[in-house]
Amino acid sequence: MNRNRPDLSSPEETKDMKRAFPLALLTLVVGLGFEPAAQAYLLLTVDLTNPGRLFAVTGKSAILTSDDGGKVWRPLAS
């Protein structure tokens, strides 16, 4: 196992991370589209203390949040 990178599929390691970083967020940058000209991306953050709570920043800098694992999204601030 690569100790530089957490194994989030491991319940034990995830539990250890929650203890060490109770307010930890996992952030991923996801590329969308296959053409370089598209320049589309999504910044997705998962609350490790509540994996159903997600935050997303779109390519247009809109900040969205979901409390149900991404089924319903709403603007973070109205």
PDB file of N, CA and C in Angstrom:
ATOM      1  N   MET A   1       0.843  -1.185   0.000  1.00  0.00           N
ATOM      2  CA  MET A   1       0.000   0.000   0.000  1.00  0.00           C
ATOM      3  C   MET A   1       0.886   1.245   0.000  1.00  0.00           C
ATOM      4  N   ASN A   2       0.513   2.227  -0.752  1.00  0.00           N
ATOM      5  CA  ASN A   2       1.234   3.490  -0.826  1.00  0.00           C
ATOM      6  C   ASN A   2       0.818   4.363   0.352  1.00  0.00           C
ATOM      7  N   ARG A   3       1.717   4.591   1.287  1.00  0.00           N
ATOM      8  CA  ARG A   3       1.386   5.360   2.496  1.00  0.00           C
ATOM      9  C   ARG A   3       1.286   6.856   2.221  1.00  0.00           C
ATOM     10  N   ASN A   4       1.722   7.299   1.042  1.00  0.00           N
ATOM     11  CA  ASN A   4       1.581   8.718   0.715  1.00  0.00           C
ATOM     12  C   ASN A   4       0.162   9.064   0.313  1.00  0.00           C
ATOM     13  N   ARG A   5      -0.609   8.052  -0.009  1.00  0.00           N
ATOM     14  CA  ARG A   5      -1.966   8.257  -0.483  1.00  0.00           C
ATOM     15  C   ARG A   5      -2.919   7.403   0.332  1.00  0.00           C
ATOM     16  N   PRO A   6      -3.946   7.977   0.916  1.00  0.00           N
ATOM     17  CA  PRO A   6      -4.870   7.173   1.717  1.00  0.00           C
ATOM     18  C   PRO A   6      -5.669   6.214   0.848  1.00  0.00           C
ATOM     19  N   ASP A   7      -5.940   5.034   1.387  1.00  0.00           N
ATOM     20  CA  ASP A   7      -6.787   4.056   0.707  1.00  0.00           C
ATOM     21  C   ASP A   7      -8.202   4.250   1.222  1.00  0.00           C
ATOM     22  N   LEU A   8      -9.007   5.036   0.501  1.00  0.00           N
ATOM     23  CA  LEU A   8     -10.352   5.364   0.969  1.00  0.00           C
ATOM     24  C   LEU A   8     -11.315   4.198   0.844  1.00  0.00           C
ATOM     25  N   SER A   9     -10.874   3.115   0.194  1.00  0.00           N
ATOM     26  CA  SER A   9     -11.721   1.923   0.135  1.00  0.00           C
ATOM     27  C   SER A   9     -11.561   1.083   1.396  1.00  0.00           C
ATOM     28  N   SER A  10     -10.558   1.401   2.204  1.00  0.00           N
ATOM     29  CA  SER A  10     -10.313   0.662   3.441  1.00  0.00           C
ATOM     30  C   SER A  10     -11.068   1.314   4.594  1.00  0.00           C
ATOM     31  N   PRO A  11     -12.045   0.599   5.182  1.00  0.00           N
ATOM     32  CA  PRO A  11     -12.793   1.185   6.310  1.00  0.00           C
ATOM     33  C   PRO A  11     -11.892   1.565   7.477  1.00  0.00           C
ATOM     34  N   GLU A  12     -10.846   0.756   7.727  1.00  0.00           N
ATOM     35  CA  GLU A  12      -9.943   1.062   8.844  1.00  0.00           C
ATOM     36  C   GLU A  12      -9.187   2.362   8.603  1.00  0.00           C
ATOM     37  N   GLU A  13      -8.667   2.520   7.397  1.00  0.00           N
ATOM     38  CA  GLU A  13      -7.903   3.731   7.099  1.00  0.00           C
ATOM     39  C   GLU A  13      -8.808   4.954   7.077  1.00  0.00           C
ATOM     40  N   THR A  14     -10.013   4.817   6.558  1.00  0.00           N
ATOM     41  CA  THR A  14     -10.958   5.930   6.556  1.00  0.00           C
ATOM     42  C   THR A  14     -11.309   6.323   7.979  1.00  0.00           C
ATOM     43  N   LYS A  15     -11.505   5.340   8.848  1.00  0.00           N
ATOM     44  CA  LYS A  15     -11.815   5.611  10.251  1.00  0.00           C
ATOM     45  C   LYS A  15     -10.643   6.346  10.914  1.00  0.00           C
ATOM     46  N   ASP A  16      -9.403   5.903  10.618  1.00  0.00           N
ATOM     47  CA  ASP A  16      -8.220   6.574  11.163  1.00  0.00           C
ATOM     48  C   ASP A  16      -8.137   8.016  10.678  1.00  0.00           C
ATOM     49  N   MET A  17      -8.463   8.254   9.408  1.00  0.00           N
ATOM     50  CA  MET A  17      -8.421   9.618   8.875  1.00  0.00           C
ATOM     51  C   MET A  17      -9.456  10.497   9.557  1.00  0.00           C
ATOM     52  N   LYS A  18     -10.648   9.958   9.807  1.00  0.00           N
ATOM     53  CA  LYS A  18     -11.694  10.746  10.466  1.00  0.00           C
ATOM     54  C   LYS A  18     -11.266  11.129  11.871  1.00  0.00           C
ATOM     55  N   ARG A  19     -10.557  10.220  12.548  1.00  0.00           N
ATOM     56  CA  ARG A  19     -10.073  10.532  13.895  1.00  0.00           C
ATOM     57  C   ARG A  19      -8.981  11.597  13.842  1.00  0.00           C
ATOM     58  N   ALA A  20      -8.080  11.476  12.884  1.00  0.00           N
ATOM     59  CA  ALA A  20      -6.953  12.405  12.792  1.00  0.00           C
ATOM     60  C   ALA A  20      -7.374  13.772  12.262  1.00  0.00           C
ATOM     61  N   PHE A  21      -8.316  13.775  11.350  1.00  0.00           N
ATOM     62  CA  PHE A  21      -8.756  15.012  10.714  1.00  0.00           C
ATOM     63  C   PHE A  21     -10.275  15.098  10.792  1.00  0.00           C
ATOM     64  N   PRO A  22     -10.836  15.431  11.938  1.00  0.00           N
ATOM     65  CA  PRO A  22     -12.289  15.389  12.085  1.00  0.00           C
ATOM     66  C   PRO A  22     -13.038  16.332  11.149  1.00  0.00           C
ATOM     67  N   LEU A  23     -12.398  17.355  10.669  1.00  0.00           N
ATOM     68  CA  LEU A  23     -13.060  18.284   9.749  1.00  0.00           C
ATOM     69  C   LEU A  23     -12.500  18.134   8.343  1.00  0.00           C
ATOM     70  N   ALA A  24     -11.905  16.979   8.080  1.00  0.00           N
ATOM     71  CA  ALA A  24     -11.217  16.770   6.811  1.00  0.00           C
ATOM     72  C   ALA A  24     -12.175  16.759   5.636  1.00  0.00           C
ATOM     73  N   LEU A  25     -11.680  17.294   4.555  1.00  0.00           N
ATOM     74  CA  LEU A  25     -12.397  17.271   3.288  1.00  0.00           C
ATOM     75  C   LEU A  25     -11.479  16.650   2.248  1.00  0.00           C
ATOM     76  N   LEU A  26     -12.021  15.824   1.412  1.00  0.00           N
ATOM     77  CA  LEU A  26     -11.275  15.230   0.316  1.00  0.00           C
ATOM     78  C   LEU A  26     -11.678  15.969  -0.948  1.00  0.00           C
ATOM     79  N   THR A  27     -10.704  16.538  -1.645  1.00  0.00           N
ATOM     80  CA  THR A  27     -10.998  17.327  -2.839  1.00  0.00           C
ATOM     81  C   THR A  27     -10.418  16.646  -4.072  1.00  0.00           C
ATOM     82  N   LEU A  28     -11.230  16.530  -5.105  1.00  0.00           N
ATOM     83  CA  LEU A  28     -10.821  15.924  -6.366  1.00  0.00           C
ATOM     84  C   LEU A  28     -11.063  16.920  -7.489  1.00  0.00           C
ATOM     85  N   VAL A  29     -10.160  16.946  -8.451  1.00  0.00           N
ATOM     86  CA  VAL A  29     -10.379  17.748  -9.651  1.00  0.00           C
ATOM     87  C   VAL A  29     -10.699  16.761 -10.758  1.00  0.00           C
ATOM     88  N   VAL A  30     -11.860  16.914 -11.348  1.00  0.00           N
ATOM     89  CA  VAL A  30     -12.332  15.982 -12.367  1.00  0.00           C
ATOM     90  C   VAL A  30     -12.390  16.706 -13.699  1.00  0.00           C
ATOM     91  N   GLY A  31     -11.688  16.190 -14.692  1.00  0.00           N
ATOM     92  CA  GLY A  31     -11.743  16.770 -16.029  1.00  0.00           C
ATOM     93  C   GLY A  31     -12.974  16.258 -16.759  1.00  0.00           C
ATOM     94  N   LEU A  32     -13.656  17.123 -17.430  1.00  0.00           N
ATOM     95  CA  LEU A  32     -14.848  16.755 -18.186  1.00  0.00           C
ATOM     96  C   LEU A  32     -14.616  17.069 -19.652  1.00  0.00           C
ATOM     97  N   GLY A  33     -15.034  16.213 -20.522  1.00  0.00           N
ATOM     98  CA  GLY A  33     -14.857  16.440 -21.953  1.00  0.00           C
ATOM     99  C   GLY A  33     -13.548  15.850 -22.435  1.00  0.00           C
ATOM    100  N   PHE A  34     -13.480  15.602 -23.720  1.00  0.00           N
ATOM    101  CA  PHE A  34     -12.307  14.949 -24.284  1.00  0.00           C
ATOM    102  C   PHE A  34     -11.488  15.864 -25.177  1.00  0.00           C
ATOM    103  N   GLU A  35     -11.984  17.033 -25.448  1.00  0.00           N
ATOM    104  CA  GLU A  35     -11.256  17.951 -26.307  1.00  0.00           C
ATOM    105  C   GLU A  35     -10.526  18.979 -25.459  1.00  0.00           C
ATOM    106  N   PRO A  36      -9.253  19.233 -25.758  1.00  0.00           N
ATOM    107  CA  PRO A  36      -8.515  20.237 -24.984  1.00  0.00           C
ATOM    108  C   PRO A  36      -9.197  21.597 -24.991  1.00  0.00           C
ATOM    109  N   ALA A  37      -9.900  21.924 -26.070  1.00  0.00           N
ATOM    110  CA  ALA A  37     -10.565  23.226 -26.158  1.00  0.00           C
ATOM    111  C   ALA A  37     -11.713  23.341 -25.163  1.00  0.00           C
ATOM    112  N   ALA A  38     -12.241  22.204 -24.710  1.00  0.00           N
ATOM    113  CA  ALA A  38     -13.381  22.239 -23.787  1.00  0.00           C
ATOM    114  C   ALA A  38     -12.992  22.871 -22.457  1.00  0.00           C
ATOM    115  N   GLN A  39     -11.793  22.592 -21.970  1.00  0.00           N
ATOM    116  CA  GLN A  39     -11.306  23.170 -20.715  1.00  0.00           C
ATOM    117  C   GLN A  39     -12.346  23.055 -19.600  1.00  0.00           C
ATOM    118  N   ALA A  40     -13.132  22.004 -19.600  1.00  0.00           N
ATOM    119  CA  ALA A  40     -14.170  21.843 -18.583  1.00  0.00           C
ATOM    120  C   ALA A  40     -13.602  21.071 -17.396  1.00  0.00           C
ATOM    121  N   TYR A  41     -13.962  21.480 -16.206  1.00  0.00           N
ATOM    122  CA  TYR A  41     -13.509  20.783 -15.013  1.00  0.00           C
ATOM    123  C   TYR A  41     -14.555  20.928 -13.926  1.00  0.00           C
ATOM    124  N   LEU A  42     -14.402  20.094 -12.924  1.00  0.00           N
ATOM    125  CA  LEU A  42     -15.264  20.144 -11.752  1.00  0.00           C
ATOM    126  C   LEU A  42     -14.385  19.891 -10.548  1.00  0.00           C
ATOM    127  N   LEU A  43     -14.435  20.762  -9.578  1.00  0.00           N
ATOM    128  CA  LEU A  43     -13.728  20.571  -8.320  1.00  0.00           C
ATOM    129  C   LEU A  43     -14.751  19.987  -7.359  1.00  0.00           C
ATOM    130  N   LEU A  44     -14.531  18.760  -6.916  1.00  0.00           N
ATOM    131  CA  LEU A  44     -15.485  18.061  -6.070  1.00  0.00           C
ATOM    132  C   LEU A  44     -14.851  17.796  -4.718  1.00  0.00           C
ATOM    133  N   THR A  45     -15.529  18.193  -3.650  1.00  0.00           N
ATOM    134  CA  THR A  45     -15.032  17.993  -2.294  1.00  0.00           C
ATOM    135  C   THR A  45     -16.030  17.162  -1.515  1.00  0.00           C
ATOM    136  N   VAL A  46     -15.505  16.147  -0.819  1.00  0.00           N
ATOM    137  CA  VAL A  46     -16.324  15.256  -0.004  1.00  0.00           C
ATOM    138  C   VAL A  46     -15.990  15.505   1.459  1.00  0.00           C
ATOM    139  N   ASP A  47     -17.005  15.677   2.283  1.00  0.00           N
ATOM    140  CA  ASP A  47     -16.821  15.819   3.726  1.00  0.00           C
ATOM    141  C   ASP A  47     -16.591  14.424   4.286  1.00  0.00           C
ATOM    142  N   LEU A  48     -15.368  14.128   4.753  1.00  0.00           N
ATOM    143  CA  LEU A  48     -15.048  12.787   5.237  1.00  0.00           C
ATOM    144  C   LEU A  48     -15.814  12.417   6.501  1.00  0.00           C
ATOM    145  N   THR A  49     -16.330  13.400   7.210  1.00  0.00           N
ATOM    146  CA  THR A  49     -17.120  13.084   8.405  1.00  0.00           C
ATOM    147  C   THR A  49     -18.568  12.796   8.048  1.00  0.00           C
ATOM    148  N   ASN A  50     -18.979  13.159   6.821  1.00  0.00           N
ATOM    149  CA  ASN A  50     -20.331  12.899   6.333  1.00  0.00           C
ATOM    150  C   ASN A  50     -20.234  12.718   4.820  1.00  0.00           C
ATOM    151  N   PRO A  51     -19.909  11.499   4.350  1.00  0.00           N
ATOM    152  CA  PRO A  51     -19.657  11.285   2.926  1.00  0.00           C
ATOM    153  C   PRO A  51     -20.816  11.653   2.004  1.00  0.00           C
ATOM    154  N   GLY A  52     -22.024  11.801   2.523  1.00  0.00           N
ATOM    155  CA  GLY A  52     -23.144  12.234   1.698  1.00  0.00           C
ATOM    156  C   GLY A  52     -23.115  13.723   1.411  1.00  0.00           C
ATOM    157  N   ARG A  53     -22.297  14.472   2.156  1.00  0.00           N
ATOM    158  CA  ARG A  53     -22.197  15.930   1.983  1.00  0.00           C
ATOM    159  C   ARG A  53     -21.098  16.224   0.985  1.00  0.00           C
ATOM    160  N   LEU A  54     -21.478  16.841  -0.115  1.00  0.00           N
ATOM    161  CA  LEU A  54     -20.551  17.155  -1.195  1.00  0.00           C
ATOM    162  C   LEU A  54     -20.582  18.643  -1.501  1.00  0.00           C
ATOM    163  N   PHE A  55     -19.473  19.135  -1.999  1.00  0.00           N
ATOM    164  CA  PHE A  55     -19.366  20.504  -2.483  1.00  0.00           C
ATOM    165  C   PHE A  55     -18.763  20.427  -3.876  1.00  0.00           C
ATOM    166  N   ALA A  56     -19.219  21.265  -4.781  1.00  0.00           N
ATOM    167  CA  ALA A  56     -18.678  21.284  -6.137  1.00  0.00           C
ATOM    168  C   ALA A  56     -18.492  22.723  -6.587  1.00  0.00           C
ATOM    169  N   VAL A  57     -17.398  22.946  -7.298  1.00  0.00           N
ATOM    170  CA  VAL A  57     -17.158  24.239  -7.942  1.00  0.00           C
ATOM    171  C   VAL A  57     -17.084  23.940  -9.432  1.00  0.00           C
ATOM    172  N   THR A  58     -17.930  24.578 -10.192  1.00  0.00           N
ATOM    173  CA  THR A  58     -17.975  24.339 -11.632  1.00  0.00           C
ATOM    174  C   THR A  58     -16.976  25.236 -12.349  1.00  0.00           C
ATOM    175  N   GLY A  59     -16.820  24.989 -13.634  1.00  0.00           N
ATOM    176  CA  GLY A  59     -15.924  25.799 -14.450  1.00  0.00           C
ATOM    177  C   GLY A  59     -16.314  27.263 -14.489  1.00  0.00           C
ATOM    178  N   LYS A  60     -17.577  27.557 -14.190  1.00  0.00           N
ATOM    179  CA  LYS A  60     -18.040  28.948 -14.158  1.00  0.00           C
ATOM    180  C   LYS A  60     -18.014  29.507 -12.744  1.00  0.00           C
ATOM    181  N   SER A  61     -17.309  28.821 -11.842  1.00  0.00           N
ATOM    182  CA  SER A  61     -17.127  29.245 -10.445  1.00  0.00           C
ATOM    183  C   SER A  61     -18.402  29.235  -9.616  1.00  0.00           C
ATOM    184  N   ALA A  62     -19.400  28.504 -10.045  1.00  0.00           N
ATOM    185  CA  ALA A  62     -20.593  28.335  -9.204  1.00  0.00           C
ATOM    186  C   ALA A  62     -20.256  27.334  -8.106  1.00  0.00           C
ATOM    187  N   ILE A  63     -20.655  27.621  -6.881  1.00  0.00           N
ATOM    188  CA  ILE A  63     -20.414  26.716  -5.760  1.00  0.00           C
ATOM    189  C   ILE A  63     -21.740  26.063  -5.396  1.00  0.00           C
ATOM    190  N   LEU A  64     -21.748  24.738  -5.481  1.00  0.00           N
ATOM    191  CA  LEU A  64     -22.956  23.968  -5.204  1.00  0.00           C
ATOM    192  C   LEU A  64     -22.700  23.026  -4.039  1.00  0.00           C
ATOM    193  N   THR A  65     -23.769  22.606  -3.360  1.00  0.00           N
ATOM    194  CA  THR A  65     -23.641  21.649  -2.269  1.00  0.00           C
ATOM    195  C   THR A  65     -24.763  20.623  -2.361  1.00  0.00           C
ATOM    196  N   SER A  66     -24.482  19.438  -1.836  1.00  0.00           N
ATOM    197  CA  SER A  66     -25.465  18.359  -1.800  1.00  0.00           C
ATOM    198  C   SER A  66     -25.336  17.651  -0.459  1.00  0.00           C
ATOM    199  N   ASP A  67     -26.451  17.305   0.138  1.00  0.00           N
ATOM    200  CA  ASP A  67     -26.442  16.556   1.397  1.00  0.00           C
ATOM    201  C   ASP A  67     -26.868  15.107   1.197  1.00  0.00           C
ATOM    202  N   ASP A  68     -27.134  14.715  -0.052  1.00  0.00           N
ATOM    203  CA  ASP A  68     -27.630  13.361  -0.312  1.00  0.00           C
ATOM    204  C   ASP A  68     -26.758  12.607  -1.320  1.00  0.00           C
ATOM    205  N   GLY A  69     -25.459  12.866  -1.285  1.00  0.00           N
ATOM    206  CA  GLY A  69     -24.544  12.153  -2.163  1.00  0.00           C
ATOM    207  C   GLY A  69     -24.592  12.576  -3.614  1.00  0.00           C
ATOM    208  N   GLY A  70     -25.165  13.731  -3.895  1.00  0.00           N
ATOM    209  CA  GLY A  70     -25.183  14.268  -5.246  1.00  0.00           C
ATOM    210  C   GLY A  70     -26.480  14.074  -6.006  1.00  0.00           C
ATOM    211  N   LYS A  71     -27.503  13.548  -5.345  1.00  0.00           N
ATOM    212  CA  LYS A  71     -28.798  13.389  -6.025  1.00  0.00           C
ATOM    213  C   LYS A  71     -29.437  14.745  -6.302  1.00  0.00           C
ATOM    214  N   VAL A  72     -29.361  15.649  -5.325  1.00  0.00           N
ATOM    215  CA  VAL A  72     -29.926  16.997  -5.461  1.00  0.00           C
ATOM    216  C   VAL A  72     -28.834  18.003  -5.119  1.00  0.00           C
ATOM    217  N   TRP A  73     -28.636  18.979  -5.986  1.00  0.00           N
ATOM    218  CA  TRP A  73     -27.641  20.031  -5.771  1.00  0.00           C
ATOM    219  C   TRP A  73     -28.355  21.363  -5.596  1.00  0.00           C
ATOM    220  N   ARG A  74     -27.771  22.241  -4.769  1.00  0.00           N
ATOM    221  CA  ARG A  74     -28.311  23.589  -4.587  1.00  0.00           C
ATOM    222  C   ARG A  74     -27.135  24.547  -4.434  1.00  0.00           C
ATOM    223  N   PRO A  75     -27.339  25.817  -4.754  1.00  0.00           N
ATOM    224  CA  PRO A  75     -26.273  26.802  -4.555  1.00  0.00           C
ATOM    225  C   PRO A  75     -25.890  26.867  -3.076  1.00  0.00           C
ATOM    226  N   LEU A  76     -24.600  27.020  -2.800  1.00  0.00           N
ATOM    227  CA  LEU A  76     -24.145  27.087  -1.413  1.00  0.00           C
ATOM    228  C   LEU A  76     -24.722  28.310  -0.720  1.00  0.00           C
ATOM    229  N   ALA A  77     -24.680  29.448  -1.387  1.00  0.00           N
ATOM    230  CA  ALA A  77     -25.237  30.681  -0.811  1.00  0.00           C
ATOM    231  C   ALA A  77     -26.274  31.236  -1.775  1.00  0.00           C
ATOM    232  N   SER A  78     -27.408  31.596  -1.242  1.00  0.00           N
ATOM    233  CA  SER A  78     -28.470  32.133  -2.110  1.00  0.00           C
ATOM    234  C   SER A  78     -28.374  33.631  -2.197  1.00  0.00           C
TER     235      SER A  78
END
